[in-house]
Amino acid sequence: MTAGGNRTDRHTARPPRPPEETQALRELAAAGARQLGWDAPAGEVVAWVRENFAVRDAAVACSMADLVLPHLVARQLPGVDVLFLETGYHFTETLAARDEAARSLDVTVVDVLPEQTVAEQDQAHGPELFARDPGLCCRLRKMDPLRKALANYRVWFTGVRRDEAPTRTNTPLVAWDEAHGLVKVNPVAPWSFDELTGYASRHAVPLNLLLQQGYPSIGCRPCTRPVAPGGDPRAGRWAGLAKTECGIHT
């Protein structure tokens, strides 16, 4: 597979999508959901996108917990954009995985930046906003930047799996994403964690080293803790807080 590269997204404004295009995409999402059903193989899900969209219309959202989703998609959509939310709070291991994706996969890694640096946010809202108001911190550093970045695309892939959390058990393979106004595709939704790591092993796809250190779900460094063996994979995210999702997939 040919190595890609990377670039930075500084949220260039895009005009609103015309209503007729939005309706066509909504209908296409419904047709895809009917065609693929509940548990079509991941390769078939990616093939459906390839048949209905140009590669420039597609983006892969990747937290760099692993490189399985970018690898899976790039096999059929070479050169696809891979969006990485560069919050300024990531583990060194996560940044290393991002760099490896740009180096070894046929993708373009796009660093999606918040409007403010960590220092600017600290000045505006006080230090360690993640501890005092994690919802606001996630909105400023993840949700708002992603919303602006996705305005450039017509379809996006996520690595959400149904076994990750109770809030994700009903994740479809294809759906209309009302919040972002485009088609949302979740090709590995039916997979287990073992199936994910099995794919990585078969195809020599790198995994974030933190997965081997008790971090089954990896987010920002201040808000992520290791999980005891056999524990809820999401238990280490915002541990001790009444929060289980950043808000992107809810």
Protein backbone atom coordinates (compact mmCIF):
# COMPACT_ATOMS: atom_id res chain seq x y z
CA MET A 1 0.00 0.00 0.00
CA THR A 2 1.40 3.40 -0.96
CA ALA A 3 2.11 5.77 1.90
CA GLY A 4 0.04 8.93 2.04
CA GLY A 5 0.79 12.09 3.97
CA ASN A 6 -0.76 14.67 6.23
CA ARG A 7 -2.08 18.21 6.37
CA THR A 8 -3.73 20.56 8.84
CA ASP A 9 -7.39 21.61 8.68
CA ARG A 10 -8.01 25.17 9.83
CA HIS A 11 -11.75 25.08 9.22
CA THR A 12 -12.18 26.94 5.95
CA ALA A 13 -15.83 28.01 5.82
CA ARG A 14 -18.02 26.15 3.32
CA PRO A 15 -21.42 27.28 2.03
CA PRO A 16 -24.45 25.36 3.31
CA ARG A 17 -25.38 22.26 1.37
CA PRO A 18 -28.33 22.87 -1.02
CA PRO A 19 -31.59 21.34 0.30
CA GLU A 20 -31.99 19.12 -2.74
CA GLU A 21 -28.52 17.63 -2.23
CA THR A 22 -29.26 17.05 1.44
CA GLN A 23 -32.47 15.22 0.56
CA ALA A 24 -30.67 13.08 -2.01
CA LEU A 25 -28.03 12.10 0.54
CA ARG A 26 -30.70 11.34 3.11
CA GLU A 27 -32.44 9.01 0.66
CA LEU A 28 -29.14 7.39 -0.30
CA ALA A 29 -28.40 6.67 3.38
CA ALA A 30 -31.81 5.01 3.77
CA ALA A 31 -31.21 2.91 0.66
CA GLY A 32 -27.79 1.86 1.94
CA ALA A 33 -29.23 0.84 5.29
CA ARG A 34 -31.81 -1.35 3.55
CA GLN A 35 -29.26 -2.90 1.20
CA LEU A 36 -26.63 -3.69 3.84
CA GLY A 37 -28.93 -4.60 6.69
CA TRP A 38 -27.62 -5.10 10.21
CA ASP A 39 -24.42 -7.11 9.82
CA ALA A 40 -23.03 -7.00 6.27
CA PRO A 41 -19.27 -7.65 6.12
CA ALA A 42 -17.16 -4.54 6.59
CA GLY A 43 -15.69 -4.84 3.11
CA GLU A 44 -19.18 -4.75 1.58
CA VAL A 45 -19.99 -1.62 3.56
CA VAL A 46 -16.89 0.14 2.25
CA ALA A 47 -17.69 -1.10 -1.27
CA TRP A 48 -21.14 0.50 -1.03
CA VAL A 49 -19.49 3.84 -0.29
CA ARG A 50 -17.02 3.37 -3.15
CA GLU A 51 -19.90 2.72 -5.55
CA ASN A 52 -21.89 5.78 -4.48
CA PHE A 53 -19.29 8.43 -3.63
CA ALA A 54 -16.04 9.84 -4.96
CA VAL A 55 -13.04 9.46 -2.69
CA ARG A 56 -12.91 13.25 -2.23
CA ASP A 57 -16.41 13.09 -0.73
CA ALA A 58 -15.39 10.67 2.03
CA ALA A 59 -13.61 11.08 5.34
CA VAL A 60 -12.53 8.58 7.97
CA ALA A 61 -12.70 9.73 11.59
CA CYS A 62 -9.95 8.03 13.58
CA SER A 63 -8.90 8.45 17.21
CA MET A 64 -5.71 6.48 16.47
CA ALA A 65 -6.47 3.85 19.08
CA ASP A 66 -5.66 1.61 16.12
CA LEU A 67 -5.23 1.96 12.36
CA VAL A 68 -7.72 -0.74 11.40
CA LEU A 69 -10.45 1.55 10.03
CA PRO A 70 -8.11 3.68 7.87
CA HIS A 71 -6.51 0.50 6.53
CA LEU A 72 -9.88 -1.11 5.82
CA VAL A 73 -11.21 1.92 3.96
CA ALA A 74 -8.01 2.76 2.07
CA ARG A 75 -7.97 -0.70 0.48
CA GLN A 76 -10.96 0.42 -1.62
CA LEU A 77 -10.68 4.22 -1.38
CA PRO A 78 -6.95 4.93 -1.67
CA GLY A 79 -5.92 8.42 -0.67
CA VAL A 80 -8.97 8.96 1.54
CA ASP A 81 -8.80 11.75 4.13
CA VAL A 82 -8.41 10.53 7.73
CA LEU A 83 -9.55 13.12 10.26
CA PHE A 84 -7.63 13.24 13.53
CA LEU A 85 -8.94 15.58 16.22
CA GLU A 86 -5.73 17.15 17.47
CA THR A 87 -6.99 18.33 20.85
CA GLY A 88 -3.57 19.16 22.26
CA TYR A 89 -4.08 16.63 25.05
CA HIS A 90 -3.15 13.34 23.38
CA PHE A 91 -0.85 10.61 24.65
CA THR A 92 2.54 10.35 22.97
CA GLU A 93 1.53 6.85 21.82
CA THR A 94 -1.54 8.25 20.07
CA LEU A 95 0.50 10.84 18.19
CA ALA A 96 2.93 8.10 17.19
CA ALA A 97 0.02 6.06 15.77
CA ARG A 98 -1.15 9.12 13.79
CA ASP A 99 2.34 9.58 12.34
CA GLU A 100 2.50 5.89 11.45
CA ALA A 101 -0.83 6.15 9.60
CA ALA A 102 0.49 9.03 7.51
CA ARG A 103 3.74 7.17 6.87
CA SER A 104 2.51 3.69 6.03
CA LEU A 105 -1.08 3.89 4.74
CA ASP A 106 -2.45 5.22 1.46
CA VAL A 107 -4.38 7.97 3.23
CA THR A 108 -4.07 11.67 3.93
CA VAL A 109 -4.10 12.32 7.68
CA VAL A 110 -5.83 15.63 8.42
CA ASP A 111 -5.06 17.21 11.80
CA VAL A 112 -8.33 18.93 12.75
CA LEU A 113 -7.49 21.75 15.14
CA PRO A 114 -9.68 23.58 17.67
CA GLU A 115 -10.11 27.31 17.27
CA GLN A 116 -7.94 27.90 20.36
CA THR A 117 -4.67 26.36 21.49
CA VAL A 118 -4.64 24.81 24.96
CA ALA A 119 -2.94 27.96 26.29
CA GLU A 120 -5.58 30.21 24.70
CA GLN A 121 -8.38 28.07 26.09
CA ASP A 122 -6.78 28.19 29.55
CA GLN A 123 -6.70 31.97 29.33
CA ALA A 124 -10.33 32.19 28.22
CA HIS A 125 -11.86 29.56 30.51
CA GLY A 126 -9.28 28.89 33.21
CA PRO A 127 -6.80 25.99 33.39
CA GLU A 128 -7.89 22.34 33.32
CA LEU A 129 -11.32 22.97 31.86
CA PHE A 130 -11.50 19.20 31.25
CA ALA A 131 -11.72 18.64 35.01
CA ARG A 132 -14.27 21.38 35.75
CA ASP A 133 -16.50 21.18 32.69
CA PRO A 134 -15.55 18.18 30.52
CA GLY A 135 -18.61 18.65 28.32
CA LEU A 136 -17.52 22.15 27.33
CA CYS A 137 -13.93 21.03 26.83
CA CYS A 138 -15.04 18.22 24.49
CA ARG A 139 -17.26 20.63 22.57
CA LEU A 140 -14.49 23.16 22.06
CA ARG A 141 -11.71 20.71 21.26
CA LYS A 142 -13.60 17.89 19.49
CA MET A 143 -17.22 18.46 18.55
CA ASP A 144 -17.05 21.97 17.07
CA PRO A 145 -13.84 21.33 15.07
CA LEU A 146 -15.22 18.06 13.70
CA ARG A 147 -18.52 19.67 12.70
CA LYS A 148 -16.64 22.29 10.68
CA ALA A 149 -14.33 19.73 9.11
CA LEU A 150 -17.18 17.42 8.09
CA ALA A 151 -18.83 20.24 6.14
CA ASN A 152 -16.25 19.44 3.44
CA TYR A 153 -17.56 15.91 2.89
CA ARG A 154 -20.71 13.98 1.97
CA VAL A 155 -20.02 10.74 3.85
CA TRP A 156 -17.90 9.81 6.86
CA PHE A 157 -16.66 6.55 8.33
CA THR A 158 -16.39 5.91 12.06
CA GLY A 159 -14.94 3.03 14.02
CA VAL A 160 -17.84 2.81 16.49
CA ARG A 161 -18.55 -0.77 17.61
CA ARG A 162 -21.71 -2.01 19.28
CA ASP A 163 -19.81 -3.89 21.97
CA GLU A 164 -18.05 -0.78 23.27
CA ALA A 165 -20.81 0.62 25.45
CA PRO A 166 -24.57 0.35 26.11
CA THR A 167 -25.01 3.67 24.27
CA ARG A 168 -23.64 2.05 21.09
CA THR A 169 -25.51 -1.27 20.96
CA ASN A 170 -27.94 -0.05 18.28
CA THR A 171 -25.33 1.45 15.96
CA PRO A 172 -26.37 0.85 12.31
CA LEU A 173 -23.99 0.19 9.44
CA VAL A 174 -25.31 3.18 7.48
CA ALA A 175 -27.46 6.09 8.66
CA TRP A 176 -28.24 9.71 7.96
CA ASP A 177 -26.29 11.89 10.39
CA GLU A 178 -28.70 14.69 11.19
CA ALA A 179 -26.28 16.49 13.49
CA HIS A 180 -23.60 16.87 10.81
CA GLY A 181 -25.75 16.75 7.67
CA LEU A 182 -24.10 13.86 5.84
CA VAL A 183 -24.12 10.07 5.55
CA LYS A 184 -22.53 8.21 8.47
CA VAL A 185 -21.04 4.76 7.92
CA ASN A 186 -19.94 2.38 10.69
CA PRO A 187 -18.43 -0.63 8.90
CA VAL A 188 -17.01 -2.35 12.00
CA ALA A 189 -20.12 -1.84 14.15
CA PRO A 190 -20.77 -5.62 14.46
CA TRP A 191 -17.15 -6.45 15.35
CA SER A 192 -15.86 -7.50 18.74
CA PHE A 193 -12.57 -6.24 20.15
CA ASP A 194 -11.03 -9.61 19.31
CA GLU A 195 -12.18 -9.29 15.69
CA LEU A 196 -10.59 -5.84 15.56
CA THR A 197 -7.24 -7.06 16.87
CA GLY A 198 -7.51 -10.17 14.69
CA TYR A 199 -7.82 -7.98 11.58
CA ALA A 200 -4.82 -5.97 12.74
CA SER A 201 -2.78 -9.14 13.20
CA ARG A 202 -3.73 -10.64 9.80
CA HIS A 203 -2.92 -7.45 7.90
CA ALA A 204 0.02 -6.25 10.02
CA VAL A 205 -1.87 -3.08 10.94
CA PRO A 206 -0.28 -1.15 13.83
CA LEU A 207 -2.17 -0.72 17.09
CA ASN A 208 -1.75 2.05 19.61
CA LEU A 209 0.72 0.72 22.20
CA LEU A 210 -1.65 1.79 24.98
CA LEU A 211 -4.00 -1.07 24.03
CA GLN A 212 -1.37 -3.41 25.48
CA GLN A 213 -1.18 -1.37 28.68
CA GLY A 214 -4.78 -1.68 29.87
CA TYR A 215 -6.35 1.10 27.79
CA PRO A 216 -9.13 -0.53 25.69
CA SER A 217 -10.60 2.90 24.89
CA ILE A 218 -8.24 5.80 24.30
CA GLY A 219 -9.06 9.49 24.40
CA CYS A 220 -7.30 12.57 25.73
CA ARG A 221 -4.56 11.92 28.30
CA PRO A 222 -6.10 13.84 31.26
CA CYS A 223 -9.47 12.08 30.85
CA THR A 224 -8.37 8.48 30.13
CA ARG A 225 -7.40 5.82 32.66
CA PRO A 226 -6.45 2.14 32.34
CA VAL A 227 -9.20 -0.44 32.91
CA ALA A 228 -8.94 -3.61 34.98
CA PRO A 229 -8.92 -6.86 32.96
CA GLY A 230 -12.48 -7.81 32.03
CA GLY A 231 -13.83 -4.37 32.93
CA ASP A 232 -16.10 -2.14 30.88
CA PRO A 233 -13.93 -0.93 27.95
CA ARG A 234 -15.29 2.61 28.40
CA ALA A 235 -14.82 2.68 32.19
CA GLY A 236 -11.50 4.48 31.82
CA ARG A 237 -13.00 7.40 29.93
CA TRP A 238 -13.90 10.36 32.19
CA ALA A 239 -13.55 8.04 35.19
CA GLY A 240 -15.42 9.31 38.22
CA LEU A 241 -17.54 11.71 36.17
CA ALA A 242 -21.15 11.39 34.97
CA LYS A 243 -19.94 11.28 31.37
CA THR A 244 -19.41 8.37 28.99
CA GLU A 245 -19.32 10.03 25.54
CA CYS A 246 -17.68 13.16 24.19
CA GLY A 247 -20.88 13.92 22.29
CA ILE A 248 -19.80 13.14 18.74
CA HIS A 249 -21.75 9.87 18.49
CA THR A 250 -24.81 10.77 20.57
